[in-house]
Amino acid sequence: MRAKIVALALVCTLPACTWVHMAPGASAVKVVTGQPAGCEKRGEVEVSVKDSVAFYDRNELRVRDELETLARNEAPGLGADTVQALGPPADGSQRFAAWKCR
């Protein structure tokens, strides 16, 4: 019985967890909504996170935020300083274009 209570408490605290942390250099990467003008496209990245845990669907805004953070983490490796979502998230994954604007 006690194990069930502990497991339930753990599942209830999962929505508060942020599993993705900003990598060094990623905080300087800008996120834009439209195609940036005067920028050089450096590539595309597809990132993904868990959008549900067992029977629990995670908060949509938190999933979007983590996907954006992952895309920003990938940008410096492509020599990019700006990312742009190429579409909405689907099943915990999303594609981003990476741009060099500065």
PDB file of N, CA and C in Angstrom:
ATOM      1  N   MET A   1       0.823  -1.193   0.000  1.00  0.00           N
ATOM      2  CA  MET A   1       0.000   0.000   0.000  1.00  0.00           C
ATOM      3  C   MET A   1       0.874   1.267   0.000  1.00  0.00           C
ATOM      4  N   ARG A   2       1.905   1.243   0.837  1.00  0.00           N
ATOM      5  CA  ARG A   2       2.776   2.409   0.933  1.00  0.00           C
ATOM      6  C   ARG A   2       3.502   2.656  -0.391  1.00  0.00           C
ATOM      7  N   ALA A   3       3.895   1.587  -1.072  1.00  0.00           N
ATOM      8  CA  ALA A   3       4.582   1.717  -2.357  1.00  0.00           C
ATOM      9  C   ALA A   3       3.676   2.360  -3.395  1.00  0.00           C
ATOM     10  N   LYS A   4       2.398   2.053  -3.361  1.00  0.00           N
ATOM     11  CA  LYS A   4       1.447   2.658  -4.297  1.00  0.00           C
ATOM     12  C   LYS A   4       1.314   4.150  -4.051  1.00  0.00           C
ATOM     13  N   ILE A   5       1.314   4.552  -2.806  1.00  0.00           N
ATOM     14  CA  ILE A   5       1.197   5.974  -2.457  1.00  0.00           C
ATOM     15  C   ILE A   5       2.449   6.730  -2.923  1.00  0.00           C
ATOM     16  N   VAL A   6       3.617   6.135  -2.709  1.00  0.00           N
ATOM     17  CA  VAL A   6       4.864   6.761  -3.143  1.00  0.00           C
ATOM     18  C   VAL A   6       4.892   6.880  -4.665  1.00  0.00           C
ATOM     19  N   ALA A   7       4.477   5.827  -5.371  1.00  0.00           N
ATOM     20  CA  ALA A   7       4.439   5.864  -6.832  1.00  0.00           C
ATOM     21  C   ALA A   7       3.475   6.919  -7.329  1.00  0.00           C
ATOM     22  N   LEU A   8       2.313   7.030  -6.711  1.00  0.00           N
ATOM     23  CA  LEU A   8       1.324   8.045  -7.096  1.00  0.00           C
ATOM     24  C   LEU A   8       1.866   9.450  -6.846  1.00  0.00           C
ATOM     25  N   ALA A   9       2.542   9.657  -5.746  1.00  0.00           N
ATOM     26  CA  ALA A   9       3.122  10.972  -5.446  1.00  0.00           C
ATOM     27  C   ALA A   9       4.193  11.326  -6.474  1.00  0.00           C
ATOM     28  N   LEU A  10       4.981  10.341  -6.884  1.00  0.00           N
ATOM     29  CA  LEU A  10       6.014  10.582  -7.888  1.00  0.00           C
ATOM     30  C   LEU A  10       5.396  10.976  -9.219  1.00  0.00           C
ATOM     31  N   VAL A  11       4.354  10.287  -9.649  1.00  0.00           N
ATOM     32  CA  VAL A  11       3.687  10.607 -10.913  1.00  0.00           C
ATOM     33  C   VAL A  11       3.057  11.997 -10.851  1.00  0.00           C
ATOM     34  N   CYS A  12       2.535  12.384  -9.715  1.00  0.00           N
ATOM     35  CA  CYS A  12       1.903  13.702  -9.581  1.00  0.00           C
ATOM     36  C   CYS A  12       2.922  14.838  -9.644  1.00  0.00           C
ATOM     37  N   THR A  13       4.167  14.557  -9.281  1.00  0.00           N
ATOM     38  CA  THR A  13       5.190  15.613  -9.328  1.00  0.00           C
ATOM     39  C   THR A  13       5.877  15.701 -10.682  1.00  0.00           C
ATOM     40  N   LEU A  14       5.695  14.732 -11.561  1.00  0.00           N
ATOM     41  CA  LEU A  14       6.348  14.758 -12.864  1.00  0.00           C
ATOM     42  C   LEU A  14       6.017  15.990 -13.709  1.00  0.00           C
ATOM     43  N   PRO A  15       4.782  16.506 -13.702  1.00  0.00           N
ATOM     44  CA  PRO A  15       4.512  17.679 -14.526  1.00  0.00           C
ATOM     45  C   PRO A  15       5.353  18.892 -14.151  1.00  0.00           C
ATOM     46  N   ALA A  16       5.852  18.950 -12.945  1.00  0.00           N
ATOM     47  CA  ALA A  16       6.645  20.093 -12.506  1.00  0.00           C
ATOM     48  C   ALA A  16       8.100  19.981 -12.936  1.00  0.00           C
ATOM     49  N   CYS A  17       8.512  18.813 -13.432  1.00  0.00           N
ATOM     50  CA  CYS A  17       9.903  18.599 -13.815  1.00  0.00           C
ATOM     51  C   CYS A  17      10.216  19.242 -15.162  1.00  0.00           C
ATOM     52  N   THR A  18      11.371  19.817 -15.241  1.00  0.00           N
ATOM     53  CA  THR A  18      11.899  20.262 -16.524  1.00  0.00           C
ATOM     54  C   THR A  18      13.071  19.353 -16.815  1.00  0.00           C
ATOM     55  N   TRP A  19      12.956  18.556 -17.861  1.00  0.00           N
ATOM     56  CA  TRP A  19      13.962  17.562 -18.166  1.00  0.00           C
ATOM     57  C   TRP A  19      15.034  18.085 -19.094  1.00  0.00           C
ATOM     58  N   VAL A  20      14.827  19.237 -19.701  1.00  0.00           N
ATOM     59  CA  VAL A  20      15.775  19.762 -20.682  1.00  0.00           C
ATOM     60  C   VAL A  20      16.398  21.046 -20.134  1.00  0.00           C
ATOM     61  N   HIS A  21      17.715  21.095 -20.161  1.00  0.00           N
ATOM     62  CA  HIS A  21      18.430  22.277 -19.670  1.00  0.00           C
ATOM     63  C   HIS A  21      19.186  22.930 -20.820  1.00  0.00           C
ATOM     64  N   MET A  22      19.361  24.233 -20.730  1.00  0.00           N
ATOM     65  CA  MET A  22      20.049  25.017 -21.747  1.00  0.00           C
ATOM     66  C   MET A  22      21.536  24.683 -21.745  1.00  0.00           C
ATOM     67  N   ALA A  23      22.067  24.390 -22.927  1.00  0.00           N
ATOM     68  CA  ALA A  23      23.493  24.083 -23.085  1.00  0.00           C
ATOM     69  C   ALA A  23      24.293  25.384 -23.182  1.00  0.00           C
ATOM     70  N   PRO A  24      25.597  25.325 -22.912  1.00  0.00           N
ATOM     71  CA  PRO A  24      26.418  26.525 -23.069  1.00  0.00           C
ATOM     72  C   PRO A  24      26.344  27.048 -24.500  1.00  0.00           C
ATOM     73  N   GLY A  25      26.163  28.346 -24.636  1.00  0.00           N
ATOM     74  CA  GLY A  25      26.073  28.980 -25.945  1.00  0.00           C
ATOM     75  C   GLY A  25      24.665  29.041 -26.500  1.00  0.00           C
ATOM     76  N   ALA A  26      23.762  28.230 -25.989  1.00  0.00           N
ATOM     77  CA  ALA A  26      22.392  28.195 -26.511  1.00  0.00           C
ATOM     78  C   ALA A  26      21.566  29.402 -26.065  1.00  0.00           C
ATOM     79  N   SER A  27      21.936  30.026 -24.972  1.00  0.00           N
ATOM     80  CA  SER A  27      21.159  31.177 -24.499  1.00  0.00           C
ATOM     81  C   SER A  27      21.274  32.368 -25.450  1.00  0.00           C
ATOM     82  N   ALA A  28      22.306  32.400 -26.299  1.00  0.00           N
ATOM     83  CA  ALA A  28      22.469  33.488 -27.261  1.00  0.00           C
ATOM     84  C   ALA A  28      21.676  33.247 -28.542  1.00  0.00           C
ATOM     85  N   VAL A  29      21.089  32.066 -28.695  1.00  0.00           N
ATOM     86  CA  VAL A  29      20.332  31.726 -29.898  1.00  0.00           C
ATOM     87  C   VAL A  29      18.923  32.313 -29.792  1.00  0.00           C
ATOM     88  N   LYS A  30      18.532  33.071 -30.828  1.00  0.00           N
ATOM     89  CA  LYS A  30      17.205  33.680 -30.875  1.00  0.00           C
ATOM     90  C   LYS A  30      16.213  32.704 -31.492  1.00  0.00           C
ATOM     91  N   VAL A  31      14.952  32.849 -31.087  1.00  0.00           N
ATOM     92  CA  VAL A  31      13.867  32.066 -31.677  1.00  0.00           C
ATOM     93  C   VAL A  31      12.955  33.051 -32.397  1.00  0.00           C
ATOM     94  N   VAL A  32      12.702  32.811 -33.693  1.00  0.00           N
ATOM     95  CA  VAL A  32      11.842  33.692 -34.483  1.00  0.00           C
ATOM     96  C   VAL A  32      10.649  32.896 -35.006  1.00  0.00           C
ATOM     97  N   THR A  33       9.572  33.608 -35.317  1.00  0.00           N
ATOM     98  CA  THR A  33       8.370  32.930 -35.795  1.00  0.00           C
ATOM     99  C   THR A  33       8.297  32.897 -37.315  1.00  0.00           C
ATOM    100  N   GLY A  34       8.806  33.902 -37.986  1.00  0.00           N
ATOM    101  CA  GLY A  34       8.796  33.925 -39.449  1.00  0.00           C
ATOM    102  C   GLY A  34      10.201  33.744 -39.981  1.00  0.00           C
ATOM    103  N   GLN A  35      10.309  33.518 -41.298  1.00  0.00           N
ATOM    104  CA  GLN A  35      11.630  33.363 -41.893  1.00  0.00           C
ATOM    105  C   GLN A  35      12.406  34.660 -41.751  1.00  0.00           C
ATOM    106  N   PRO A  36      13.597  34.614 -41.146  1.00  0.00           N
ATOM    107  CA  PRO A  36      14.365  35.836 -40.937  1.00  0.00           C
ATOM    108  C   PRO A  36      14.951  36.368 -42.248  1.00  0.00           C
ATOM    109  N   ALA A  37      14.964  37.684 -42.386  1.00  0.00           N
ATOM    110  CA  ALA A  37      15.493  38.327 -43.596  1.00  0.00           C
ATOM    111  C   ALA A  37      17.000  38.498 -43.470  1.00  0.00           C
ATOM    112  N   GLY A  38      17.693  38.333 -44.586  1.00  0.00           N
ATOM    113  CA  GLY A  38      19.134  38.563 -44.622  1.00  0.00           C
ATOM    114  C   GLY A  38      19.941  37.541 -43.848  1.00  0.00           C
ATOM    115  N   CYS A  39      19.418  36.354 -43.695  1.00  0.00           N
ATOM    116  CA  CYS A  39      20.110  35.314 -42.936  1.00  0.00           C
ATOM    117  C   CYS A  39      20.465  34.143 -43.843  1.00  0.00           C
ATOM    118  N   GLU A  40      21.494  33.413 -43.459  1.00  0.00           N
ATOM    119  CA  GLU A  40      21.945  32.244 -44.210  1.00  0.00           C
ATOM    120  C   GLU A  40      21.429  30.982 -43.508  1.00  0.00           C
ATOM    121  N   LYS A  41      20.722  30.142 -44.250  1.00  0.00           N
ATOM    122  CA  LYS A  41      20.211  28.900 -43.672  1.00  0.00           C
ATOM    123  C   LYS A  41      21.370  27.931 -43.463  1.00  0.00           C
ATOM    124  N   ARG A  42      21.473  27.410 -42.233  1.00  0.00           N
ATOM    125  CA  ARG A  42      22.564  26.507 -41.879  1.00  0.00           C
ATOM    126  C   ARG A  42      22.122  25.044 -41.814  1.00  0.00           C
ATOM    127  N   GLY A  43      20.812  24.802 -41.851  1.00  0.00           N
ATOM    128  CA  GLY A  43      20.330  23.424 -41.807  1.00  0.00           C
ATOM    129  C   GLY A  43      19.018  23.327 -41.048  1.00  0.00           C
ATOM    130  N   GLU A  44      18.618  22.105 -40.798  1.00  0.00           N
ATOM    131  CA  GLU A  44      17.397  21.827 -40.045  1.00  0.00           C
ATOM    132  C   GLU A  44      17.706  20.800 -38.970  1.00  0.00           C
ATOM    133  N   VAL A  45      16.967  20.880 -37.886  1.00  0.00           N
ATOM    134  CA  VAL A  45      17.103  19.899 -36.810  1.00  0.00           C
ATOM    135  C   VAL A  45      15.714  19.409 -36.431  1.00  0.00           C
ATOM    136  N   GLU A  46      15.643  18.160 -36.027  1.00  0.00           N
ATOM    137  CA  GLU A  46      14.406  17.613 -35.470  1.00  0.00           C
ATOM    138  C   GLU A  46      14.713  17.207 -34.039  1.00  0.00           C
ATOM    139  N   VAL A  47      13.908  17.709 -33.124  1.00  0.00           N
ATOM    140  CA  VAL A  47      14.108  17.431 -31.708  1.00  0.00           C
ATOM    141  C   VAL A  47      12.858  16.759 -31.163  1.00  0.00           C
ATOM    142  N   SER A  48      13.018  16.013 -30.077  1.00  0.00           N
ATOM    143  CA  SER A  48      11.858  15.351 -29.482  1.00  0.00           C
ATOM    144  C   SER A  48      12.030  15.178 -27.983  1.00  0.00           C
ATOM    145  N   VAL A  49      10.894  15.157 -27.302  1.00  0.00           N
ATOM    146  CA  VAL A  49      10.814  14.910 -25.865  1.00  0.00           C
ATOM    147  C   VAL A  49       9.613  14.003 -25.616  1.00  0.00           C
ATOM    148  N   LYS A  50       9.527  13.476 -24.428  1.00  0.00           N
ATOM    149  CA  LYS A  50       8.353  12.693 -24.047  1.00  0.00           C
ATOM    150  C   LYS A  50       7.179  13.649 -23.875  1.00  0.00           C
ATOM    151  N   ASP A  51       6.084  13.405 -24.589  1.00  0.00           N
ATOM    152  CA  ASP A  51       4.899  14.240 -24.420  1.00  0.00           C
ATOM    153  C   ASP A  51       3.879  13.591 -23.503  1.00  0.00           C
ATOM    154  N   SER A  52       4.144  12.341 -23.112  1.00  0.00           N
ATOM    155  CA  SER A  52       3.287  11.675 -22.129  1.00  0.00           C
ATOM    156  C   SER A  52       4.143  10.697 -21.334  1.00  0.00           C
ATOM    157  N   VAL A  53       3.737  10.500 -20.097  1.00  0.00           N
ATOM    158  CA  VAL A  53       4.418   9.568 -19.216  1.00  0.00           C
ATOM    159  C   VAL A  53       3.349   8.607 -18.705  1.00  0.00           C
ATOM    160  N   ALA A  54       3.484   7.346 -19.095  1.00  0.00           N
ATOM    161  CA  ALA A  54       2.482   6.325 -18.767  1.00  0.00           C
ATOM    162  C   ALA A  54       1.124   6.789 -19.302  1.00  0.00           C
ATOM    163  N   PHE A  55       0.183   7.009 -18.438  1.00  0.00           N
ATOM    164  CA  PHE A  55      -1.162   7.440 -18.844  1.00  0.00           C
ATOM    165  C   PHE A  55      -1.341   8.952 -18.747  1.00  0.00           C
ATOM    166  N   TYR A  56      -0.307   9.667 -18.376  1.00  0.00           N
ATOM    167  CA  TYR A  56      -0.406  11.115 -18.128  1.00  0.00           C
ATOM    168  C   TYR A  56       0.152  11.901 -19.308  1.00  0.00           C
ATOM    169  N   ASP A  57      -0.659  12.787 -19.914  1.00  0.00           N
ATOM    170  CA  ASP A  57      -0.188  13.688 -20.967  1.00  0.00           C
ATOM    171  C   ASP A  57       0.443  14.906 -20.317  1.00  0.00           C
ATOM    172  N   ARG A  58       1.686  15.214 -20.720  1.00  0.00           N
ATOM    173  CA  ARG A  58       2.385  16.356 -20.149  1.00  0.00           C
ATOM    174  C   ARG A  58       1.791  17.667 -20.655  1.00  0.00           C
ATOM    175  N   ASN A  59       2.033  18.740 -19.917  1.00  0.00           N
ATOM    176  CA  ASN A  59       1.560  20.071 -20.260  1.00  0.00           C
ATOM    177  C   ASN A  59       2.113  20.477 -21.621  1.00  0.00           C
ATOM    178  N   GLU A  60       1.218  20.889 -22.538  1.00  0.00           N
ATOM    179  CA  GLU A  60       1.610  21.229 -23.908  1.00  0.00           C
ATOM    180  C   GLU A  60       2.619  22.372 -23.956  1.00  0.00           C
ATOM    181  N   LEU A  61       2.432  23.390 -23.115  1.00  0.00           N
ATOM    182  CA  LEU A  61       3.371  24.520 -23.113  1.00  0.00           C
ATOM    183  C   LEU A  61       4.752  24.106 -22.639  1.00  0.00           C
ATOM    184  N   ARG A  62       4.810  23.217 -21.672  1.00  0.00           N
ATOM    185  CA  ARG A  62       6.103  22.737 -21.172  1.00  0.00           C
ATOM    186  C   ARG A  62       6.810  21.917 -22.252  1.00  0.00           C
ATOM    187  N   VAL A  63       6.054  21.088 -22.975  1.00  0.00           N
ATOM    188  CA  VAL A  63       6.635  20.297 -24.061  1.00  0.00           C
ATOM    189  C   VAL A  63       7.182  21.229 -25.141  1.00  0.00           C
ATOM    190  N   ARG A  64       6.402  22.257 -25.532  1.00  0.00           N
ATOM    191  CA  ARG A  64       6.866  23.224 -26.538  1.00  0.00           C
ATOM    192  C   ARG A  64       8.132  23.938 -26.082  1.00  0.00           C
ATOM    193  N   ASP A  65       8.166  24.326 -24.812  1.00  0.00           N
ATOM    194  CA  ASP A  65       9.326  25.023 -24.265  1.00  0.00           C
ATOM    195  C   ASP A  65      10.563  24.130 -24.310  1.00  0.00           C
ATOM    196  N   GLU A  66      10.403  22.857 -23.964  1.00  0.00           N
ATOM    197  CA  GLU A  66      11.537  21.940 -23.991  1.00  0.00           C
ATOM    198  C   GLU A  66      12.013  21.673 -25.420  1.00  0.00           C
ATOM    199  N   LEU A  67      11.091  21.577 -26.367  1.00  0.00           N
ATOM    200  CA  LEU A  67      11.474  21.395 -27.763  1.00  0.00           C
ATOM    201  C   LEU A  67      12.268  22.596 -28.269  1.00  0.00           C
ATOM    202  N   GLU A  68      11.809  23.790 -27.903  1.00  0.00           N
ATOM    203  CA  GLU A  68      12.515  25.016 -28.295  1.00  0.00           C
ATOM    204  C   GLU A  68      13.916  25.045 -27.690  1.00  0.00           C
ATOM    205  N   THR A  69      14.030  24.661 -26.425  1.00  0.00           N
ATOM    206  CA  THR A  69      15.336  24.635 -25.763  1.00  0.00           C
ATOM    207  C   THR A  69      16.271  23.646 -26.447  1.00  0.00           C
ATOM    208  N   LEU A  70      15.752  22.472 -26.812  1.00  0.00           N
ATOM    209  CA  LEU A  70      16.578  21.492 -27.518  1.00  0.00           C
ATOM    210  C   LEU A  70      17.057  22.027 -28.865  1.00  0.00           C
ATOM    211  N   ALA A  71      16.174  22.712 -29.578  1.00  0.00           N
ATOM    212  CA  ALA A  71      16.560  23.305 -30.870  1.00  0.00           C
ATOM    213  C   ALA A  71      17.635  24.364 -30.666  1.00  0.00           C
ATOM    214  N   ARG A  72      17.488  25.182 -29.641  1.00  0.00           N
ATOM    215  CA  ARG A  72      18.509  26.195 -29.342  1.00  0.00           C
ATOM    216  C   ARG A  72      19.832  25.531 -28.971  1.00  0.00           C
ATOM    217  N   ASN A  73      19.770  24.391 -28.273  1.00  0.00           N
ATOM    218  CA  ASN A  73      20.988  23.658 -27.911  1.00  0.00           C
ATOM    219  C   ASN A  73      21.723  23.148 -29.147  1.00  0.00           C
ATOM    220  N   GLU A  74      20.983  22.777 -30.190  1.00  0.00           N
ATOM    221  CA  GLU A  74      21.580  22.229 -31.407  1.00  0.00           C
ATOM    222  C   GLU A  74      22.153  23.308 -32.327  1.00  0.00           C
ATOM    223  N   ALA A  75      21.636  24.521 -32.272  1.00  0.00           N
ATOM    224  CA  ALA A  75      22.004  25.588 -33.205  1.00  0.00           C
ATOM    225  C   ALA A  75      23.502  25.909 -33.231  1.00  0.00           C
ATOM    226  N   PRO A  76      24.169  26.080 -32.093  1.00  0.00           N
ATOM    227  CA  PRO A  76      25.602  26.417 -32.162  1.00  0.00           C
ATOM    228  C   PRO A  76      26.430  25.362 -32.889  1.00  0.00           C
ATOM    229  N   GLY A  77      26.047  24.113 -32.822  1.00  0.00           N
ATOM    230  CA  GLY A  77      26.759  23.051 -33.523  1.00  0.00           C
ATOM    231  C   GLY A  77      26.660  23.164 -35.042  1.00  0.00           C
ATOM    232  N   LEU A  78      25.625  23.872 -35.509  1.00  0.00           N
ATOM    233  CA  LEU A  78      25.451  24.107 -36.938  1.00  0.00           C
ATOM    234  C   LEU A  78      25.992  25.463 -37.364  1.00  0.00           C
ATOM    235  N   GLY A  79      26.547  26.208 -36.418  1.00  0.00           N
ATOM    236  CA  GLY A  79      27.026  27.555 -36.712  1.00  0.00           C
ATOM    237  C   GLY A  79      25.875  28.535 -36.857  1.00  0.00           C
ATOM    238  N   ALA A  80      24.751  28.246 -36.219  1.00  0.00           N
ATOM    239  CA  ALA A  80      23.562  29.093 -36.316  1.00  0.00           C
ATOM    240  C   ALA A  80      23.361  29.886 -35.034  1.00  0.00           C
ATOM    241  N   ASP A  81      22.707  31.042 -35.183  1.00  0.00           N
ATOM    242  CA  ASP A  81      22.393  31.869 -34.017  1.00  0.00           C
ATOM    243  C   ASP A  81      20.895  32.161 -33.899  1.00  0.00           C
ATOM    244  N   THR A  82      20.106  31.569 -34.779  1.00  0.00           N
ATOM    245  CA  THR A  82      18.657  31.792 -34.795  1.00  0.00           C
ATOM    246  C   THR A  82      17.974  30.488 -35.210  1.00  0.00           C
ATOM    247  N   VAL A  83      16.843  30.173 -34.570  1.00  0.00           N
ATOM    248  CA  VAL A  83      16.049  29.008 -34.973  1.00  0.00           C
ATOM    249  C   VAL A  83      14.615  29.439 -35.244  1.00  0.00           C
ATOM    250  N   GLN A  84      13.972  28.691 -36.140  1.00  0.00           N
ATOM    251  CA  GLN A  84      12.595  28.978 -36.537  1.00  0.00           C
ATOM    252  C   GLN A  84      11.850  27.649 -36.616  1.00  0.00           C
ATOM    253  N   ALA A  85      10.716  27.539 -35.919  1.00  0.00           N
ATOM    254  CA  ALA A  85       9.907  26.320 -35.982  1.00  0.00           C
ATOM    255  C   ALA A  85       9.333  26.180 -37.387  1.00  0.00           C
ATOM    256  N   LEU A  86       9.422  24.990 -37.944  1.00  0.00           N
ATOM    257  CA  LEU A  86       8.903  24.741 -39.289  1.00  0.00           C
ATOM    258  C   LEU A  86       7.475  24.215 -39.268  1.00  0.00           C
ATOM    259  N   GLY A  87       6.955  23.986 -38.099  1.00  0.00           N
ATOM    260  CA  GLY A  87       5.590  23.509 -37.944  1.00  0.00           C
ATOM    261  C   GLY A  87       5.317  23.277 -36.466  1.00  0.00           C
ATOM    262  N   PRO A  88       4.093  22.946 -36.139  1.00  0.00           N
ATOM    263  CA  PRO A  88       3.770  22.703 -34.740  1.00  0.00           C
ATOM    264  C   PRO A  88       4.322  21.358 -34.261  1.00  0.00           C
ATOM    265  N   PRO A  89       4.451  21.192 -32.954  1.00  0.00           N
ATOM    266  CA  PRO A  89       4.894  19.907 -32.427  1.00  0.00           C
ATOM    267  C   PRO A  89       3.868  18.813 -32.734  1.00  0.00           C
ATOM    268  N   ALA A  90       4.364  17.591 -32.947  1.00  0.00           N
ATOM    269  CA  ALA A  90       3.495  16.439 -33.164  1.00  0.00           C
ATOM    270  C   ALA A  90       4.076  15.242 -32.418  1.00  0.00           C
ATOM    271  N   ASP A  91       3.313  14.708 -31.502  1.00  0.00           N
ATOM    272  CA  ASP A  91       3.746  13.530 -30.728  1.00  0.00           C
ATOM    273  C   ASP A  91       5.097  13.727 -30.059  1.00  0.00           C
ATOM    274  N   GLY A  92       5.348  14.938 -29.567  1.00  0.00           N
ATOM    275  CA  GLY A  92       6.574  15.207 -28.824  1.00  0.00           C
ATOM    276  C   GLY A  92       7.788  15.523 -29.670  1.00  0.00           C
ATOM    277  N   SER A  93       7.622  15.713 -30.990  1.00  0.00           N
ATOM    278  CA  SER A  93       8.769  16.098 -31.809  1.00  0.00           C
ATOM    279  C   SER A  93       8.416  17.305 -32.687  1.00  0.00           C
ATOM    280  N   GLN A  94       9.447  18.013 -33.124  1.00  0.00           N
ATOM    281  CA  GLN A  94       9.251  19.229 -33.919  1.00  0.00           C
ATOM    282  C   GLN A  94      10.510  19.499 -34.732  1.00  0.00           C
ATOM    283  N   ARG A  95      10.327  20.043 -35.940  1.00  0.00           N
ATOM    284  CA  ARG A  95      11.445  20.415 -36.815  1.00  0.00           C
ATOM    285  C   ARG A  95      11.670  21.926 -36.742  1.00  0.00           C
ATOM    286  N   PHE A  96      12.935  22.306 -36.777  1.00  0.00           N
ATOM    287  CA  PHE A  96      13.338  23.705 -36.740  1.00  0.00           C
ATOM    288  C   PHE A  96      14.355  23.961 -37.839  1.00  0.00           C
ATOM    289  N   ALA A  97      14.287  25.146 -38.442  1.00  0.00           N
ATOM    290  CA  ALA A  97      15.321  25.619 -39.346  1.00  0.00           C
ATOM    291  C   ALA A  97      16.335  26.390 -38.516  1.00  0.00           C
ATOM    292  N   ALA A  98      17.617  26.230 -38.856  1.00  0.00           N
ATOM    293  CA  ALA A  98      18.679  26.928 -38.155  1.00  0.00           C
ATOM    294  C   ALA A  98      19.282  27.968 -39.108  1.00  0.00           C
ATOM    295  N   TRP A  99      19.440  29.212 -38.625  1.00  0.00           N
ATOM    296  CA  TRP A  99      19.904  30.324 -39.446  1.00  0.00           C
ATOM    297  C   TRP A  99      21.085  31.031 -38.812  1.00  0.00           C
ATOM    298  N   LYS A 100      21.965  31.568 -39.642  1.00  0.00           N
ATOM    299  CA  LYS A 100      23.051  32.455 -39.177  1.00  0.00           C
ATOM    300  C   LYS A 100      22.674  33.859 -39.620  1.00  0.00           C
ATOM    301  N   CYS A 101      22.370  34.717 -38.652  1.00  0.00           N
ATOM    302  CA  CYS A 101      21.882  36.064 -38.944  1.00  0.00           C
ATOM    303  C   CYS A 101      22.851  37.156 -38.509  1.00  0.00           C
ATOM    304  N   ARG A 102      23.743  36.912 -37.601  1.00  0.00           N
ATOM    305  CA  ARG A 102      24.631  37.945 -37.084  1.00  0.00           C
ATOM    306  C   ARG A 102      26.036  37.753 -37.558  1.00  0.00           C
TER     307      ARG A 102
END
